[in-house]
N, C-alpha and C. Protein backbone atom coordinates (compact mmCIF):
# COMPACT_ATOMS: atom_id res chain seq x y z
N MET A 1 -20.24 2.26 -3.55
CA MET A 1 -18.83 2.48 -3.10
C MET A 1 -18.72 4.02 -2.96
N THR A 2 -18.19 4.47 -1.86
CA THR A 2 -17.97 5.80 -1.61
C THR A 2 -16.59 6.27 -2.21
N ASP A 3 -16.48 7.63 -2.21
CA ASP A 3 -15.28 8.23 -2.75
C ASP A 3 -14.02 7.78 -1.99
N ALA A 4 -14.15 7.69 -0.68
CA ALA A 4 -13.06 7.22 0.18
C ALA A 4 -12.60 5.78 -0.19
N GLN A 5 -13.55 4.94 -0.39
CA GLN A 5 -13.20 3.56 -0.74
C GLN A 5 -12.54 3.51 -2.02
N LEU A 6 -13.09 4.31 -2.94
CA LEU A 6 -12.43 4.38 -4.40
C LEU A 6 -11.00 4.85 -4.20
N GLY A 7 -10.89 5.92 -3.38
CA GLY A 7 -9.41 6.47 -3.19
C GLY A 7 -8.43 5.46 -2.61
N LEU A 8 -8.99 4.59 -1.70
CA LEU A 8 -8.26 3.54 -1.06
C LEU A 8 -7.82 2.49 -2.17
N MET A 9 -8.81 2.20 -2.99
CA MET A 9 -8.45 1.18 -4.02
C MET A 9 -7.53 1.67 -5.01
N VAL A 10 -7.35 3.01 -5.23
CA VAL A 10 -6.42 3.58 -6.09
C VAL A 10 -5.08 3.79 -5.44
N ALA A 11 -4.99 4.24 -4.22
CA ALA A 11 -3.75 4.61 -3.54
C ALA A 11 -3.00 3.43 -3.03
N THR A 12 -3.62 2.30 -2.64
CA THR A 12 -2.86 1.18 -2.16
C THR A 12 -1.96 0.56 -3.23
N PRO A 13 -2.56 0.28 -4.43
CA PRO A 13 -1.62 -0.24 -5.37
C PRO A 13 -0.46 0.63 -5.81
N ILE A 14 -0.71 1.98 -5.76
CA ILE A 14 0.34 2.96 -5.99
C ILE A 14 1.47 2.83 -5.04
N ILE A 15 1.05 2.60 -3.70
CA ILE A 15 2.04 2.50 -2.59
C ILE A 15 2.85 1.19 -2.88
N ILE A 16 2.15 0.18 -3.26
CA ILE A 16 2.79 -1.22 -3.50
C ILE A 16 3.79 -1.10 -4.64
N VAL A 17 3.46 -0.42 -5.69
CA VAL A 17 4.27 -0.24 -6.83
C VAL A 17 5.63 0.53 -6.41
N PHE A 18 5.37 1.64 -5.69
CA PHE A 18 6.46 2.42 -5.25
C PHE A 18 7.49 1.58 -4.36
N ALA A 19 6.83 0.78 -3.46
CA ALA A 19 7.69 -0.08 -2.50
C ALA A 19 8.51 -1.07 -3.36
N ILE A 20 7.92 -1.63 -4.41
CA ILE A 20 8.67 -2.58 -5.20
C ILE A 20 9.67 -1.83 -6.04
N ALA A 21 9.37 -0.68 -6.54
CA ALA A 21 10.35 0.15 -7.30
C ALA A 21 11.55 0.45 -6.46
N LEU A 22 11.34 1.03 -5.23
CA LEU A 22 12.29 1.20 -4.33
C LEU A 22 13.18 0.10 -3.97
N ARG A 23 12.67 -1.02 -3.85
CA ARG A 23 13.35 -2.30 -3.58
C ARG A 23 14.29 -2.53 -4.64
N ARG A 24 13.66 -2.52 -5.94
CA ARG A 24 14.57 -2.81 -7.06
C ARG A 24 15.70 -1.98 -7.23
N MET A 25 15.55 -0.58 -6.84
CA MET A 25 16.58 0.27 -7.05
C MET A 25 17.66 0.24 -5.88
N GLY A 26 17.25 -0.62 -4.90
CA GLY A 26 18.22 -0.74 -3.86
C GLY A 26 18.07 0.27 -2.72
N ALA A 27 17.10 1.17 -2.70
CA ALA A 27 16.95 2.16 -1.71
C ALA A 27 16.27 1.65 -0.49
N VAL A 28 15.58 0.48 -0.56
CA VAL A 28 14.98 -0.06 0.70
C VAL A 28 15.32 -1.55 0.65
N ARG A 29 15.46 -2.09 1.89
CA ARG A 29 15.79 -3.57 2.07
C ARG A 29 14.44 -4.27 1.78
N THR A 30 14.57 -5.54 1.51
CA THR A 30 13.38 -6.32 1.24
C THR A 30 12.46 -6.41 2.46
N THR A 31 12.92 -6.38 3.64
CA THR A 31 12.18 -6.40 4.88
C THR A 31 11.34 -5.15 4.95
N GLY A 32 11.93 -3.99 4.60
CA GLY A 32 11.25 -2.72 4.62
C GLY A 32 10.15 -2.64 3.63
N ALA A 33 10.42 -3.14 2.36
CA ALA A 33 9.40 -3.18 1.43
C ALA A 33 8.20 -4.13 1.76
N VAL A 34 8.48 -5.19 2.36
CA VAL A 34 7.43 -6.19 2.74
C VAL A 34 6.56 -5.53 3.81
N VAL A 35 7.24 -4.82 4.77
CA VAL A 35 6.50 -4.29 5.87
C VAL A 35 5.63 -3.06 5.33
N ALA A 36 6.22 -2.37 4.46
CA ALA A 36 5.37 -1.21 3.80
C ALA A 36 4.22 -1.73 3.09
N VAL A 37 4.37 -2.78 2.30
CA VAL A 37 3.26 -3.34 1.53
C VAL A 37 2.24 -3.92 2.58
N ALA A 38 2.70 -4.68 3.55
CA ALA A 38 1.79 -5.37 4.49
C ALA A 38 1.00 -4.26 5.23
N ALA A 39 1.67 -3.18 5.68
CA ALA A 39 1.03 -2.18 6.46
C ALA A 39 -0.06 -1.43 5.63
N SER A 40 0.32 -1.10 4.33
CA SER A 40 -0.65 -0.35 3.48
C SER A 40 -1.87 -1.32 3.20
N VAL A 41 -1.68 -2.55 3.06
CA VAL A 41 -2.72 -3.38 2.72
C VAL A 41 -3.72 -3.53 3.94
N VAL A 42 -3.12 -3.67 5.11
CA VAL A 42 -3.91 -3.80 6.28
C VAL A 42 -4.64 -2.49 6.62
N ILE A 43 -4.01 -1.35 6.49
CA ILE A 43 -4.59 -0.16 6.77
C ILE A 43 -5.79 0.15 5.68
N ALA A 44 -5.52 -0.26 4.48
CA ALA A 44 -6.59 0.07 3.47
C ALA A 44 -7.73 -0.86 3.72
N ALA A 45 -7.50 -2.13 4.06
CA ALA A 45 -8.61 -3.10 4.41
C ALA A 45 -9.43 -2.58 5.64
N VAL A 46 -8.80 -2.22 6.64
CA VAL A 46 -9.57 -1.73 7.78
C VAL A 46 -10.31 -0.48 7.43
N LEU A 47 -9.72 0.49 6.81
CA LEU A 47 -10.43 1.69 6.45
C LEU A 47 -11.60 1.37 5.41
N PHE A 48 -11.32 0.50 4.52
CA PHE A 48 -12.26 0.14 3.50
C PHE A 48 -13.57 -0.44 4.12
N PHE A 49 -13.34 -1.41 5.06
CA PHE A 49 -14.54 -2.10 5.67
C PHE A 49 -15.16 -1.32 6.76
N THR A 50 -14.48 -0.25 7.29
CA THR A 50 -15.16 0.59 8.34
C THR A 50 -15.78 1.80 7.76
N GLN A 51 -15.67 2.04 6.44
CA GLN A 51 -16.37 3.26 5.92
C GLN A 51 -17.83 3.09 5.81
């Protein structure tokens, strides 16, 4: 596993946690949080498997 892949495995859950926290605080709508989580997972998966 490369450093980039390890970074993706660390950064993606952090993004997901922030999206959930922002949703719970009412700063982001549910749709926005879902889109942010889905986009980060898709981007991380693509980058992870193309490294």
